[in-house]
């Protein structure tokens, strides 16, 4: 490793916390086939992504409920029960955050997260207090892998891109960060991340 890493930048979903977006609907729609149809046709990931990109949740719910009036109560549950889609931390990741923090490594985050869902989730996860700044796509109306979000992060965080290590579970996000000059780690599990952090001399 020739480049000295000054700061570590985490994604949140599927890196720090698990995310299973159908979890509350397993109770609300017990039939697996019906639930799969609802997830794929009524609230598909692309629709959820509109919230991550900055669209207002209430506006989204109203428009979708008009399109699927028989499912309006379930569409509402997408927002009201969002925190139920986060069953807990990714195994091993909080320990790495704490180790980096104890070593004095500046910590930041860039997350694709809706402004409304972030407001409800953020207080439930105090580990995020370890982070000096967090860029939330829905607040900025910029979402990964758009290079603009990495340029914004570089300005906000105050480190050169080559001096930051970005960690994300999405390969397109990792590739975009690398194209912007960042070091980036494609996250699959905490053990591999720990090995890279040690290779950079960031933790023991």
Protein backbone atom coordinates (compact mmCIF):
# COMPACT_ATOMS: atom_id res chain seq x y z
CA UNK A 1 0.00 0.00 0.00
CA UNK A 2 1.76 3.16 -1.19
CA UNK A 3 -0.93 5.80 -0.61
CA UNK A 4 -1.46 6.81 3.00
CA UNK A 5 -5.13 6.72 3.95
CA UNK A 6 -6.17 9.65 6.14
CA UNK A 7 -9.90 8.96 6.47
CA UNK A 8 -12.39 6.14 6.05
CA UNK A 9 -15.80 6.67 4.46
CA UNK A 10 -18.55 4.10 5.02
CA UNK A 11 -21.79 3.31 3.28
CA UNK A 12 -24.57 2.59 5.81
CA UNK A 13 -27.06 0.05 4.44
CA UNK A 14 -25.62 -3.47 4.10
CA UNK A 15 -22.26 -2.26 5.37
CA UNK A 16 -23.04 -0.97 8.86
CA UNK A 17 -26.64 -2.21 9.17
CA UNK A 18 -28.56 -5.03 7.55
CA UNK A 19 -31.41 -4.01 5.27
CA UNK A 20 -34.26 -6.35 4.33
CA UNK A 21 -36.91 -4.18 2.76
CA UNK A 22 -39.58 -6.90 2.73
CA UNK A 23 -39.21 -7.65 6.45
CA UNK A 24 -42.32 -5.78 7.74
CA UNK A 25 -44.36 -7.11 4.84
CA UNK A 26 -43.73 -10.72 5.86
CA UNK A 27 -46.24 -10.03 8.63
CA UNK A 28 -48.53 -7.73 6.64
CA UNK A 29 -48.71 -9.96 3.54
CA UNK A 30 -48.25 -13.56 4.72
CA UNK A 31 -48.63 -15.15 1.27
CA UNK A 32 -45.14 -15.26 -0.34
CA UNK A 33 -46.40 -14.93 -3.92
CA UNK A 34 -48.65 -11.98 -3.10
CA UNK A 35 -45.85 -10.34 -1.12
CA UNK A 36 -43.38 -10.80 -3.98
CA UNK A 37 -45.85 -9.20 -6.40
CA UNK A 38 -46.36 -6.25 -4.06
CA UNK A 39 -42.62 -5.70 -3.60
CA UNK A 40 -41.89 -5.94 -7.33
CA UNK A 41 -44.91 -4.12 -8.78
CA UNK A 42 -46.26 -1.71 -6.15
CA UNK A 43 -43.15 -0.58 -4.25
CA UNK A 44 -40.25 -1.77 -6.44
CA UNK A 45 -36.68 -0.92 -5.59
CA UNK A 46 -36.64 1.65 -8.40
CA UNK A 47 -39.56 3.46 -6.72
CA UNK A 48 -37.83 3.36 -3.35
CA UNK A 49 -34.78 4.79 -5.12
CA UNK A 50 -36.76 7.92 -5.97
CA UNK A 51 -36.89 8.67 -2.24
CA UNK A 52 -33.15 8.08 -1.95
CA UNK A 53 -32.69 10.60 -4.77
CA UNK A 54 -34.66 13.30 -2.96
CA UNK A 55 -38.36 12.82 -3.70
CA UNK A 56 -40.68 13.55 -0.77
CA UNK A 57 -42.09 10.42 0.88
CA UNK A 58 -45.61 11.75 1.38
CA UNK A 59 -45.81 12.79 -2.26
CA UNK A 60 -44.66 9.32 -3.30
CA UNK A 61 -47.20 7.59 -1.06
CA UNK A 62 -50.07 9.75 -2.31
CA UNK A 63 -49.23 9.16 -5.97
CA UNK A 64 -48.70 5.44 -5.54
CA UNK A 65 -51.85 5.02 -3.47
CA UNK A 66 -53.87 6.69 -6.22
CA UNK A 67 -52.46 4.14 -8.64
CA UNK A 68 -52.99 1.17 -6.30
CA UNK A 69 -55.88 2.23 -4.01
CA UNK A 70 -56.49 -1.29 -2.71
CA UNK A 71 -52.95 -1.33 -1.35
CA UNK A 72 -52.87 2.17 0.12
CA UNK A 73 -52.47 0.95 3.72
CA UNK A 74 -49.53 -1.22 2.70
CA UNK A 75 -47.89 1.60 0.75
CA UNK A 76 -48.21 3.74 3.89
CA UNK A 77 -46.46 0.99 5.84
CA UNK A 78 -43.43 1.42 3.58
CA UNK A 79 -42.73 4.67 5.43
CA UNK A 80 -44.35 4.06 8.81
CA UNK A 81 -42.54 0.76 9.34
CA UNK A 82 -39.29 1.57 7.59
CA UNK A 83 -37.20 1.00 10.71
CA UNK A 84 -38.49 -2.59 10.78
CA UNK A 85 -36.53 -3.17 7.56
CA UNK A 86 -33.29 -2.73 9.56
CA UNK A 87 -33.00 -5.83 11.76
CA UNK A 88 -29.63 -4.92 13.24
CA UNK A 89 -25.96 -4.21 12.55
CA UNK A 90 -23.89 -6.09 10.00
CA UNK A 91 -21.81 -8.60 12.00
CA UNK A 92 -18.36 -7.25 12.75
CA UNK A 93 -18.82 -3.79 11.26
CA UNK A 94 -19.53 -1.83 14.47
CA UNK A 95 -16.36 -3.28 15.99
CA UNK A 96 -14.33 -2.00 13.03
CA UNK A 97 -15.87 1.45 13.38
CA UNK A 98 -14.96 1.49 17.06
CA UNK A 99 -11.42 0.31 16.33
CA UNK A 100 -10.93 3.05 13.74
CA UNK A 101 -12.38 5.65 16.08
CA UNK A 102 -10.11 4.49 18.91
CA UNK A 103 -7.13 4.82 16.55
CA UNK A 104 -8.09 8.42 15.80
CA UNK A 105 -9.00 7.80 12.15
CA UNK A 106 -11.50 10.39 10.85
CA UNK A 107 -14.76 8.66 9.93
CA UNK A 108 -17.36 9.80 7.41
CA UNK A 109 -20.27 8.25 5.54
CA UNK A 110 -22.06 8.55 2.20
CA UNK A 111 -25.42 6.82 2.14
CA UNK A 112 -28.25 6.44 -0.33
CA UNK A 113 -31.09 7.10 2.10
CA UNK A 114 -34.29 9.12 1.82
CA UNK A 115 -34.47 12.29 3.89
CA UNK A 116 -37.69 11.18 5.61
CA UNK A 117 -36.57 7.63 6.36
CA UNK A 118 -33.18 8.90 7.52
CA UNK A 119 -34.83 11.25 10.00
CA UNK A 120 -36.61 8.27 11.56
CA UNK A 121 -33.66 5.89 11.44
CA UNK A 122 -30.74 8.08 12.50
CA UNK A 123 -31.67 8.34 16.23
CA UNK A 124 -31.91 4.53 16.49
CA UNK A 125 -28.26 3.93 15.57
CA UNK A 126 -25.92 5.79 17.96
CA UNK A 127 -22.82 4.29 16.33
CA UNK A 128 -23.23 7.07 13.77
CA UNK A 129 -22.16 9.53 16.46
CA UNK A 130 -18.61 8.35 15.68
CA UNK A 131 -18.84 9.96 12.24
CA UNK A 132 -17.70 13.53 11.66
CA UNK A 133 -20.02 14.10 8.70
CA UNK A 134 -22.60 12.02 6.84
CA UNK A 135 -23.79 12.80 3.33
CA UNK A 136 -27.37 11.58 2.85
CA UNK A 137 -28.50 11.31 -0.76
CA UNK A 138 -32.11 12.27 -0.10
CA UNK A 139 -31.04 15.45 1.67
CA UNK A 140 -28.56 16.45 -1.02
CA UNK A 141 -30.75 15.18 -3.90
CA UNK A 142 -27.70 13.36 -5.24
CA UNK A 143 -27.43 9.58 -5.15
CA UNK A 144 -24.60 7.13 -5.68
CA UNK A 145 -23.17 6.23 -8.14
CA UNK A 146 -23.48 9.79 -9.53
CA UNK A 147 -19.92 11.19 -9.46
CA UNK A 148 -21.32 14.48 -8.16
CA UNK A 149 -21.93 12.96 -4.73
CA UNK A 150 -18.27 11.98 -4.43
CA UNK A 151 -17.16 15.45 -5.48
CA UNK A 152 -19.47 16.90 -2.82
CA UNK A 153 -18.04 14.52 -0.24
CA UNK A 154 -14.49 15.51 -1.13
CA UNK A 155 -15.33 19.16 -0.53
CA UNK A 156 -17.26 18.50 2.67
CA UNK A 157 -14.84 16.03 4.23
CA UNK A 158 -11.73 18.04 3.40
CA UNK A 159 -9.48 15.19 2.28
CA UNK A 160 -8.06 14.45 -1.14
CA UNK A 161 -9.89 11.54 -2.81
CA UNK A 162 -6.75 9.40 -2.94
CA UNK A 163 -6.37 9.86 0.84
CA UNK A 164 -9.81 8.39 1.59
CA UNK A 165 -10.92 4.75 1.64
CA UNK A 166 -14.58 4.36 0.63
CA UNK A 167 -16.46 1.20 1.62
CA UNK A 168 -19.67 0.15 -0.14
CA UNK A 169 -21.52 -3.10 -0.86
CA UNK A 170 -22.57 -1.90 -4.33
CA UNK A 171 -19.96 -2.54 -7.02
CA UNK A 172 -21.26 0.31 -9.27
CA UNK A 173 -20.81 2.71 -6.35
CA UNK A 174 -17.29 1.41 -5.75
CA UNK A 175 -16.36 1.74 -9.42
CA UNK A 176 -17.72 5.30 -9.57
CA UNK A 177 -15.70 6.27 -6.49
CA UNK A 178 -12.55 4.79 -8.01
CA UNK A 179 -13.21 6.69 -11.23
CA UNK A 180 -13.28 9.85 -9.08
CA UNK A 181 -9.83 9.03 -7.72
CA UNK A 182 -10.85 7.44 -4.43
CA UNK A 183 -9.55 4.25 -2.90
CA UNK A 184 -12.57 1.96 -2.56
CA UNK A 185 -13.33 -1.40 -1.01
CA UNK A 186 -16.17 -3.58 -2.28
CA UNK A 187 -17.72 -4.78 0.97
CA UNK A 188 -18.85 -8.38 1.28
CA UNK A 189 -18.13 -9.11 4.94
CA UNK A 190 -16.30 -7.56 7.86
CA UNK A 191 -13.37 -9.98 7.88
CA UNK A 192 -12.17 -8.93 4.44
CA UNK A 193 -12.61 -5.27 5.31
CA UNK A 194 -10.59 -5.75 8.51
CA UNK A 195 -7.76 -7.25 6.47
CA UNK A 196 -7.69 -4.22 4.17
CA UNK A 197 -7.80 -1.79 7.07
CA UNK A 198 -4.83 -3.60 8.63
CA UNK A 199 -2.96 -3.55 5.33
CA UNK A 200 -3.34 0.23 5.31
CA UNK A 201 -2.08 0.39 8.90
CA UNK A 202 -5.35 1.86 10.14
CA UNK A 203 -6.06 -0.75 12.83
CA UNK A 204 -3.95 -3.35 14.62
